[in-house]
C-alpha atoms as a PDB file:
ATOM      1  CA  MET A   1       4.116  -1.849  -5.842  1.00  0.00           C
ATOM      2  CA  LYS A   2       3.473  -2.490  -2.308  1.00  0.00           C
ATOM      3  CA  LEU A   3       2.353   0.128   0.721  1.00  0.00           C
ATOM      4  CA  LYS A   4       1.671  -3.047   2.186  1.00  0.00           C
ATOM      5  CA  VAL A   5       1.405  -3.664  -1.345  1.00  0.00           C
ATOM      6  CA  SER A   6       2.666  -1.789  -4.316  1.00  0.00           C
ATOM      7  CA  VAL A   7       4.306   1.448  -5.449  1.00  0.00           C
ATOM      8  CA  CYS A   8       0.785   2.615  -5.879  1.00  0.00           C
ATOM      9  CA  MET A   9       0.377   2.429  -2.158  1.00  0.00           C
ATOM     10  CA  VAL A  10      -2.726   0.238  -2.140  1.00  0.00           C
ATOM     11  CA  VAL A  11      -3.521  -2.716   0.102  1.00  0.00           C
ATOM     12  CA  PHE A  12      -5.019  -5.428  -2.126  1.00  0.00           C
ATOM     13  CA  LEU A  13      -7.851  -7.146  -0.297  1.00  0.00           C
ATOM     14  CA  ALA A  14      -9.829 -10.204  -1.317  1.00  0.00           C
ATOM     15  CA  ALA A  15     -12.898 -11.758   0.264  1.00  0.00           C
ATOM     16  CA  VAL A  16     -12.107 -13.878   3.312  1.00  0.00           C
ATOM     17  CA  VAL A  17     -14.198 -15.884   5.750  1.00  0.00           C
ATOM     18  CA  PHE A  18     -13.543 -14.781   9.314  1.00  0.00           C
ATOM     19  CA  PRO A  19     -14.559 -16.533  12.527  1.00  0.00           C
ATOM     20  CA  VAL A  20     -18.216 -16.370  13.448  1.00  0.00           C
ATOM     21  CA  PHE A  21     -19.248 -13.298  15.420  1.00  0.00           C
ATOM     22  CA  GLY A  22     -18.589 -13.768  19.124  1.00  0.00           C
ATOM     23  CA  GLN A  23     -15.678 -16.155  18.653  1.00  0.00           C
ATOM     24  CA  THR A  24     -12.169 -14.888  19.315  1.00  0.00           C
ATOM     25  CA  PRO A  25      -9.722 -15.633  16.481  1.00  0.00           C
ATOM     26  CA  ASN A  26      -6.097 -16.637  16.870  1.00  0.00           C
ATOM     27  CA  ALA A  27      -3.843 -13.602  16.321  1.00  0.00           C
ATOM     28  CA  ALA A  28      -1.389 -15.381  14.016  1.00  0.00           C
ATOM     29  CA  GLU A  29      -4.202 -16.863  11.929  1.00  0.00           C
ATOM     30  CA  LEU A  30      -5.916 -13.489  11.674  1.00  0.00           C
ATOM     31  CA  LEU A  31      -2.705 -11.880  10.444  1.00  0.00           C
ATOM     32  CA  ARG A  32      -2.211 -14.677   7.904  1.00  0.00           C
ATOM     33  CA  LYS A  33      -5.694 -13.959   6.569  1.00  0.00           C
ATOM     34  CA  VAL A  34      -4.729 -10.302   6.142  1.00  0.00           C
ATOM     35  CA  ASP A  35      -1.625 -11.432   4.243  1.00  0.00           C
ATOM     36  CA  ASN A  36      -3.645 -13.828   2.087  1.00  0.00           C
ATOM     37  CA  ASN A  37      -5.957 -11.013   1.084  1.00  0.00           C
ATOM     38  CA  GLU A  38      -3.025  -9.429  -0.736  1.00  0.00           C
ATOM     39  CA  VAL A  39      -2.419 -12.448  -2.960  1.00  0.00           C
ATOM     40  CA  TYR A  40      -3.147 -11.885  -6.656  1.00  0.00           C
ATOM     41  CA  SER A  41      -1.371 -12.877  -9.841  1.00  0.00           C
ATOM     42  CA  THR A  42      -1.596  -9.549 -11.704  1.00  0.00           C
ATOM     43  CA  ILE A  43      -3.379  -6.219 -11.589  1.00  0.00           C
ATOM     44  CA  GLN A  44      -3.785  -3.350 -14.058  1.00  0.00           C
ATOM     45  CA  TYR A  45      -5.554  -0.086 -13.270  1.00  0.00           C
ATOM     46  CA  GLU A  46      -5.751   3.662 -13.655  1.00  0.00           C
ATOM     47  CA  GLY A  47      -5.546   5.810 -10.567  1.00  0.00           C
ATOM     48  CA  GLU A  48      -5.092   9.171  -8.947  1.00  0.00           C
ATOM     49  CA  MET A  49      -3.109  10.434  -5.992  1.00  0.00           C
ATOM     50  CA  ILE A  50      -4.798  13.499  -4.541  1.00  0.00           C
ATOM     51  CA  ILE A  51      -2.269  15.224  -2.316  1.00  0.00           C
ATOM     52  CA  GLU A  52      -3.331  17.936   0.126  1.00  0.00           C
ATOM     53  CA  TYR A  53      -0.427  19.720   1.784  1.00  0.00           C
ATOM     54  CA  GLN A  54       0.112  23.234   3.160  1.00  0.00           C
ATOM     55  CA  ASN A  55      -3.315  24.360   1.943  1.00  0.00           C
ATOM     56  CA  ARG A  56      -2.575  23.278  -1.613  1.00  0.00           C
ATOM     57  CA  ARG A  57      -4.054  20.409  -3.628  1.00  0.00           C
ATOM     58  CA  TYR A  58      -2.233  18.360  -6.244  1.00  0.00           C
ATOM     59  CA  VAL A  59      -3.779  15.663  -8.442  1.00  0.00           C
ATOM     60  CA  LYS A  60      -1.429  13.125 -10.007  1.00  0.00           C
ATOM     61  CA  SER A  61      -2.882  10.613 -12.471  1.00  0.00           C
ATOM     62  CA  MET A  62      -1.263   7.298 -13.328  1.00  0.00           C
ATOM     63  CA  LYS A  63      -1.475   3.987 -15.106  1.00  0.00           C
ATOM     64  CA  ALA A  64      -0.122   0.965 -13.269  1.00  0.00           C
ATOM     65  CA  TRP A  65       0.693  -2.698 -13.757  1.00  0.00           C
ATOM     66  CA  ALA A  66       1.818  -5.181 -11.096  1.00  0.00           C
ATOM     67  CA  ARG A  67       2.606  -8.869 -10.889  1.00  0.00           C
ATOM     68  CA  GLY A  68       2.602 -10.462  -7.469  1.00  0.00           C
ATOM     69  CA  ASN A  69       4.518  -8.472  -4.861  1.00  0.00           C
ATOM     70  CA  THR A  70       7.782  -8.243  -6.783  1.00  0.00           C
ATOM     71  CA  ASP A  71       7.183  -6.529 -10.146  1.00  0.00           C
ATOM     72  CA  SER A  72       5.450  -3.177 -10.633  1.00  0.00           C
ATOM     73  CA  PHE A  73       5.414  -0.439 -13.247  1.00  0.00           C
ATOM     74  CA  VAL A  74       3.777   2.977 -12.847  1.00  0.00           C
ATOM     75  CA  GLU A  75       3.584   5.787 -15.400  1.00  0.00           C
ATOM     76  CA  PHE A  76       2.270   9.236 -14.483  1.00  0.00           C
ATOM     77  CA  VAL A  77       0.111  10.882 -17.143  1.00  0.00           C
ATOM     78  CA  ASN A  78      -1.027  14.204 -15.630  1.00  0.00           C
ATOM     79  CA  PRO A  79       0.462  17.220 -17.474  1.00  0.00           C
ATOM     80  CA  GLU A  80       2.905  18.254 -14.720  1.00  0.00           C
ATOM     81  CA  ASP A  81       4.394  14.772 -14.315  1.00  0.00           C
ATOM     82  CA  ARG A  82       3.741  13.173 -17.715  1.00  0.00           C
ATOM     83  CA  GLY A  83       6.421  10.642 -18.590  1.00  0.00           C
ATOM     84  CA  THR A  84       7.685  10.063 -15.045  1.00  0.00           C
ATOM     85  CA  LYS A  85       7.904   6.298 -14.571  1.00  0.00           C
ATOM     86  CA  TYR A  86       8.690   3.919 -11.724  1.00  0.00           C
ATOM     87  CA  LEU A  87       9.845   0.328 -12.004  1.00  0.00           C
ATOM     88  CA  LYS A  88      10.072  -2.064  -9.081  1.00  0.00           C
ATOM     89  CA  LYS A  89      12.127  -5.105 -10.062  1.00  0.00           C
ATOM     90  CA  ASP A  90      14.246  -7.583  -8.083  1.00  0.00           C
ATOM     91  CA  ASN A  91      13.580  -5.675  -4.856  1.00  0.00           C
ATOM     92  CA  ARG A  92      14.949  -2.466  -6.361  1.00  0.00           C
ATOM     93  CA  LEU A  93      13.111   0.724  -7.243  1.00  0.00           C
ATOM     94  CA  TYR A  94      14.018   2.805 -10.295  1.00  0.00           C
ATOM     95  CA  VAL A  95      12.631   6.113 -11.513  1.00  0.00           C
ATOM     96  CA  TYR A  96      12.820   7.659 -14.977  1.00  0.00           C
ATOM     97  CA  SER A  97      12.594  11.438 -15.213  1.00  0.00           C
ATOM     98  CA  PRO A  98      11.647  12.941 -18.600  1.00  0.00           C
ATOM     99  CA  ASP A  99      13.300  16.226 -17.580  1.00  0.00           C
ATOM    100  CA  ASN A 100      16.829  14.829 -17.714  1.00  0.00           C
ATOM    101  CA  GLU A 101      16.007  11.599 -19.586  1.00  0.00           C
ATOM    102  CA  GLU A 102      17.838   9.492 -17.004  1.00  0.00           C
ATOM    103  CA  VAL A 103      17.058   6.399 -14.950  1.00  0.00           C
ATOM    104  CA  MET A 104      17.987   6.558 -11.274  1.00  0.00           C
ATOM    105  CA  LEU A 105      18.104   3.801  -8.668  1.00  0.00           C
ATOM    106  CA  ILE A 106      16.397   4.972  -5.486  1.00  0.00           C
ATOM    107  CA  SER A 107      18.430   3.654  -2.568  1.00  0.00           C
ATOM    108  CA  GLY A 108      19.912   4.554   0.816  1.00  0.00           C
ATOM    109  CA  HIS A 109      18.615   7.706   2.463  1.00  0.00           C
ATOM    110  CA  MET A 110      16.528   8.520  -0.643  1.00  0.00           C
ATOM    111  CA  LEU A 111      14.157   5.671   0.255  1.00  0.00           C
ATOM    112  CA  LYS A 112      12.856   7.717   3.186  1.00  0.00           C
ATOM    113  CA  GLU A 113      11.916  10.664   0.972  1.00  0.00           C
ATOM    114  CA  SER A 114       8.356  11.433  -0.074  1.00  0.00           C
ATOM    115  CA  MET A 115       7.218   9.809  -3.303  1.00  0.00           C
ATOM    116  CA  MET A 116       5.943  12.478  -5.716  1.00  0.00           C
ATOM    117  CA  GLY A 117       5.216  14.787  -2.781  1.00  0.00           C
ATOM    118  CA  SER A 118       2.734  12.334  -1.256  1.00  0.00           C
ATOM    119  CA  ASP A 119       2.388  11.004   2.297  1.00  0.00           C
ATOM    120  CA  MET A 120       4.121   7.768   1.259  1.00  0.00           C
ATOM    121  CA  SER A 121       7.872   7.309   1.190  1.00  0.00           C
ATOM    122  CA  TYR A 122       9.716   5.258  -1.405  1.00  0.00           C
ATOM    123  CA  GLU A 123      10.553   2.893   1.431  1.00  0.00           C
ATOM    124  CA  ASP A 124       6.835   2.219   1.889  1.00  0.00           C
ATOM    125  CA  THR A 125       6.604   0.843  -1.637  1.00  0.00           C
ATOM    126  CA  ILE A 126       9.341  -1.772  -1.888  1.00  0.00           C
ATOM    127  CA  GLU A 127       8.647  -4.308   0.890  1.00  0.00           C
ATOM    128  CA  ASN A 128       8.027  -7.798  -0.509  1.00  0.00           C
ATOM    129  CA  GLU A 129       7.705  -9.855   2.681  1.00  0.00           C
ATOM    130  CA  THR A 130       4.342 -10.531   4.323  1.00  0.00           C
ATOM    131  CA  LEU A 131       3.362  -9.024   7.657  1.00  0.00           C
ATOM    132  CA  SER A 132       3.451 -12.512   9.186  1.00  0.00           C
ATOM    133  CA  ALA A 133       7.097 -12.867   8.176  1.00  0.00           C
ATOM    134  CA  ARG A 134       8.030  -9.465   9.596  1.00  0.00           C
ATOM    135  CA  TYR A 135       5.894  -9.075  12.737  1.00  0.00           C
ATOM    136  CA  ASP A 136       4.701 -10.951  15.829  1.00  0.00           C
ATOM    137  CA  PRO A 137       0.957 -10.293  16.350  1.00  0.00           C
ATOM    138  CA  VAL A 138      -1.118  -9.965  19.512  1.00  0.00           C
ATOM    139  CA  LEU A 139      -4.909  -9.709  19.459  1.00  0.00           C
ATOM    140  CA  SER A 140      -5.607  -6.740  21.729  1.00  0.00           C
ATOM    141  CA  GLY A 141      -9.406  -6.937  21.522  1.00  0.00           C
ATOM    142  CA  SER A 142     -12.364  -5.540  19.607  1.00  0.00           C
ATOM    143  CA  ASP A 143     -13.221  -1.999  18.605  1.00  0.00           C
ATOM    144  CA  ASN A 144     -15.693  -0.058  16.498  1.00  0.00           C
ATOM    145  CA  TRP A 145     -14.179   1.772  13.546  1.00  0.00           C
ATOM    146  CA  ASN A 146     -16.533   4.171  11.764  1.00  0.00           C
ATOM    147  CA  GLY A 147     -19.527   2.015  12.644  1.00  0.00           C
ATOM    148  CA  ARG A 148     -17.871  -1.317  11.785  1.00  0.00           C
ATOM    149  CA  ASP A 149     -17.050  -3.980  14.368  1.00  0.00           C
ATOM    150  CA  ALA A 150     -13.367  -4.813  14.091  1.00  0.00           C
ATOM    151  CA  TRP A 151     -10.656  -6.999  15.548  1.00  0.00           C
ATOM    152  CA  VAL A 152      -7.580  -5.058  16.688  1.00  0.00           C
ATOM    153  CA  LEU A 153      -4.105  -6.516  16.181  1.00  0.00           C
ATOM    154  CA  ASP A 154      -0.905  -5.114  17.702  1.00  0.00           C
ATOM    155  CA  LEU A 155       2.227  -6.000  15.726  1.00  0.00           C
ATOM    156  CA  THR A 156       5.834  -5.956  16.937  1.00  0.00           C
ATOM    157  CA  ALA A 157       8.669  -6.193  14.412  1.00  0.00           C
ATOM    158  CA  LYS A 158      10.864  -9.291  14.478  1.00  0.00           C
ATOM    159  CA  LYS A 159      13.916  -7.351  13.247  1.00  0.00           C
ATOM    160  CA  ARG A 160      15.416  -4.082  14.443  1.00  0.00           C
ATOM    161  CA  THR A 161      15.833  -2.971  10.828  1.00  0.00           C
ATOM    162  CA  GLU A 162      12.080  -2.717  10.250  1.00  0.00           C
ATOM    163  CA  SER A 163      11.027   0.793   9.173  1.00  0.00           C
ATOM    164  CA  TYR A 164       8.021   0.733  11.523  1.00  0.00           C
ATOM    165  CA  PRO A 165       8.813  -1.300  14.672  1.00  0.00           C
ATOM    166  CA  LYS A 166       5.153  -1.378  15.716  1.00  0.00           C
ATOM    167  CA  GLN A 167       1.842  -1.432  13.851  1.00  0.00           C
ATOM    168  CA  LYS A 168      -1.810  -1.474  14.920  1.00  0.00           C
ATOM    169  CA  LEU A 169      -4.503  -2.926  12.613  1.00  0.00           C
ATOM    170  CA  TRP A 170      -8.319  -2.711  12.631  1.00  0.00           C
ATOM    171  CA  ILE A 171      -9.829  -5.633  10.655  1.00  0.00           C
ATOM    172  CA  ASP A 172     -13.533  -5.786   9.802  1.00  0.00           C
ATOM    173  CA  LYS A 173     -15.082  -8.794  11.564  1.00  0.00           C
ATOM    174  CA  GLU A 174     -17.693  -9.350   8.875  1.00  0.00           C
ATOM    175  CA  ASN A 175     -15.861  -9.036   5.564  1.00  0.00           C
ATOM    176  CA  GLY A 176     -12.143  -8.916   6.402  1.00  0.00           C
ATOM    177  CA  ASP A 177     -11.520  -5.376   5.136  1.00  0.00           C
ATOM    178  CA  LEU A 178      -8.422  -3.748   6.602  1.00  0.00           C
ATOM    179  CA  LEU A 179     -10.286  -0.672   7.805  1.00  0.00           C
ATOM    180  CA  HIS A 180      -7.416   1.233   9.353  1.00  0.00           C
ATOM    181  CA  TYR A 181      -3.829   0.819  10.410  1.00  0.00           C
ATOM    182  CA  GLU A 182      -1.286   2.930  12.265  1.00  0.00           C
ATOM    183  CA  LEU A 183       2.504   2.848  12.002  1.00  0.00           C
ATOM    184  CA  PHE A 184       4.727   3.604  15.000  1.00  0.00           C
ATOM    185  CA  ALA A 185       8.364   4.367  15.782  1.00  0.00           C
ATOM    186  CA  LEU A 186      10.234   2.359  18.425  1.00  0.00           C
ATOM    187  CA  SER A 187       9.555   5.183  20.899  1.00  0.00           C
ATOM    188  CA  GLY A 188       5.827   4.657  20.455  1.00  0.00           C
ATOM    189  CA  SER A 189       5.295   7.844  18.461  1.00  0.00           C
ATOM    190  CA  LYS A 190       2.709   7.434  15.719  1.00  0.00           C
ATOM    191  CA  LEU A 191       4.239   8.168  12.323  1.00  0.00           C
ATOM    192  CA  LYS A 192       1.557   7.383   9.747  1.00  0.00           C
ATOM    193  CA  GLU A 193      -2.013   6.182   9.509  1.00  0.00           C
ATOM    194  CA  TYR A 194      -4.061   4.591   6.733  1.00  0.00           C
ATOM    195  CA  THR A 195      -7.848   4.540   6.405  1.00  0.00           C
ATOM    196  CA  LEU A 196      -9.966   2.583   3.951  1.00  0.00           C
ATOM    197  CA  LEU A 197     -12.559   4.897   2.404  1.00  0.00           C
ATOM    198  CA  ARG A 198     -14.332   2.548  -0.004  1.00  0.00           C
ATOM    199  CA  ALA A 199     -14.115  -1.071  -1.100  1.00  0.00           C
ATOM    200  CA  ASP A 200     -15.930  -2.811  -3.955  1.00  0.00           C
ATOM    201  CA  ASN A 201     -16.517  -6.437  -4.917  1.00  0.00           C
ATOM    202  CA  PHE A 202     -14.582  -7.805  -7.895  1.00  0.00           C
ATOM    203  CA  ASN A 203     -15.413 -11.381  -8.864  1.00  0.00           C
ATOM    204  CA  GLY A 204     -16.031 -12.344  -5.259  1.00  0.00           C
ATOM    205  CA  ARG A 205     -13.087 -10.345  -3.903  1.00  0.00           C
ATOM    206  CA  ARG A 206     -13.200  -7.342  -1.606  1.00  0.00           C
ATOM    207  CA  PHE A 207     -11.001  -4.662  -3.088  1.00  0.00           C
ATOM    208  CA  PRO A 208     -10.061  -1.183  -1.743  1.00  0.00           C
ATOM    209  CA  VAL A 209     -10.744   1.344  -4.486  1.00  0.00           C
ATOM    210  CA  GLU A 210     -10.316   4.450  -2.353  1.00  0.00           C
ATOM    211  CA  SER A 211      -8.044   4.968   0.648  1.00  0.00           C
ATOM    212  CA  GLU A 212      -6.220   7.678   2.554  1.00  0.00           C
ATOM    213  CA  MET A 213      -2.725   7.932   4.031  1.00  0.00           C
ATOM    214  CA  ARG A 214      -1.492  10.575   6.449  1.00  0.00           C
ATOM    215  CA  ASP A 215       2.140  11.267   7.327  1.00  0.00           C
ATOM    216  CA  LEU A 216       1.783  12.714  10.812  1.00  0.00           C
ATOM    217  CA  LEU A 217       5.192  14.375  10.606  1.00  0.00           C
ATOM    218  CA  ARG A 218       3.772  16.603   7.850  1.00  0.00           C
ATOM    219  CA  ARG A 219       1.292  18.948   9.487  1.00  0.00           C
ATOM    220  CA  GLY A 220      -2.056  19.147   7.692  1.00  0.00           C
ATOM    221  CA  SER A 221      -1.085  16.604   5.046  1.00  0.00           C
ATOM    222  CA  LYS A 222      -2.965  13.692   3.529  1.00  0.00           C
ATOM    223  CA  THR A 223      -2.941  11.667   0.324  1.00  0.00           C
ATOM    224  CA  THR A 224      -6.080  10.072  -1.103  1.00  0.00           C
ATOM    225  CA  PHE A 225      -5.583   7.212  -3.530  1.00  0.00           C
ATOM    226  CA  VAL A 226      -8.382   6.349  -5.995  1.00  0.00           C
ATOM    227  CA  MET A 227      -8.393   3.366  -8.372  1.00  0.00           C
ATOM    228  CA  ARG A 228     -10.587   2.757 -11.435  1.00  0.00           C
ATOM    229  CA  ASN A 229     -10.740   0.465 -14.488  1.00  0.00           C
ATOM    230  CA  ILE A 230      -9.260  -2.364 -12.422  1.00  0.00           C
ATOM    231  CA  THR A 231      -8.353  -5.656 -14.118  1.00  0.00           C
ATOM    232  CA  LEU A 232      -7.250  -8.581 -11.971  1.00  0.00           C
ATOM    233  CA  ASP A 233      -5.442 -11.821 -12.786  1.00  0.00           C
ATOM    234  CA  GLN A 234      -4.933 -11.262 -16.506  1.00  0.00           C
ATOM    235  CA  PRO A 235      -1.551 -11.961 -18.160  1.00  0.00           C
ATOM    236  CA  ILE A 236       0.917  -9.070 -18.409  1.00  0.00           C
ATOM    237  CA  ALA A 237       3.897  -9.294 -20.764  1.00  0.00           C
ATOM    238  CA  ASP A 238       7.374  -9.511 -19.207  1.00  0.00           C
ATOM    239  CA  SER A 239       8.360  -6.514 -21.324  1.00  0.00           C
ATOM    240  CA  VAL A 240       6.192  -4.242 -19.144  1.00  0.00           C
ATOM    241  CA  PHE A 241       8.533  -4.834 -16.190  1.00  0.00           C
ATOM    242  CA  SER A 242      11.747  -4.127 -18.091  1.00  0.00           C
ATOM    243  CA  MET A 243      14.385  -1.416 -18.029  1.00  0.00           C
ATOM    244  CA  ARG A 244      13.721  -0.862 -21.716  1.00  0.00           C
ATOM    245  CA  ASN A 245      10.107   0.022 -20.972  1.00  0.00           C
ATOM    246  CA  LEU A 246      11.265   2.397 -18.251  1.00  0.00           C
ATOM    247  CA  GLU A 247      13.578   4.238 -20.632  1.00  0.00           C
ATOM    248  CA  ARG A 248      11.196   4.297 -23.591  1.00  0.00           C
END
């Protein structure tokens, strides 16, 4: 599911050709390129969420399947959470708990709660629309992020209902990686920040295999997301994204 992407909180990046060094890109076109990087038909992978909070460390392992931006299925397999499953379908998010053997629709105020104790909320995982559809971009200049030359985009939400009225993006000038982004409240207070830790090449595509999210309202908290055994653009049966699979 989608963090900008999926319930697995990963931004899916592909290779993209950016303007030649020294040329200033158009802000709207640059944002469209960021959106286009997220386009894929399907993805399957295994992953881990490593949550560090209040001087404690939790490792949650998962298997995940996703199709486009609309359908996702995640099953946790670590001993403490084994059998917990999430299904994103038709812009709704469901969770199955093996403790009470029930399926619950996550909606309303629950969407703002932390997902599995991580730095991501459920609300972060269900957005289907592109950034271009939701925000007006302004190119605010260039910057250096961890030794990489980057374009900086400031985004302002088109609708008052947007969870994060403002965003700030650092985009690698050379390869198009989304190196870092920050999420802001309407007041200007920074709420969350994402950092790309490592990207690999998959069949000509740049793909983030390790990233970090911090919820700045949780003191001393961060969640590292690691992906492995990634398979892109291979058919996935409709039955994977079904309520029956969630309840099985």
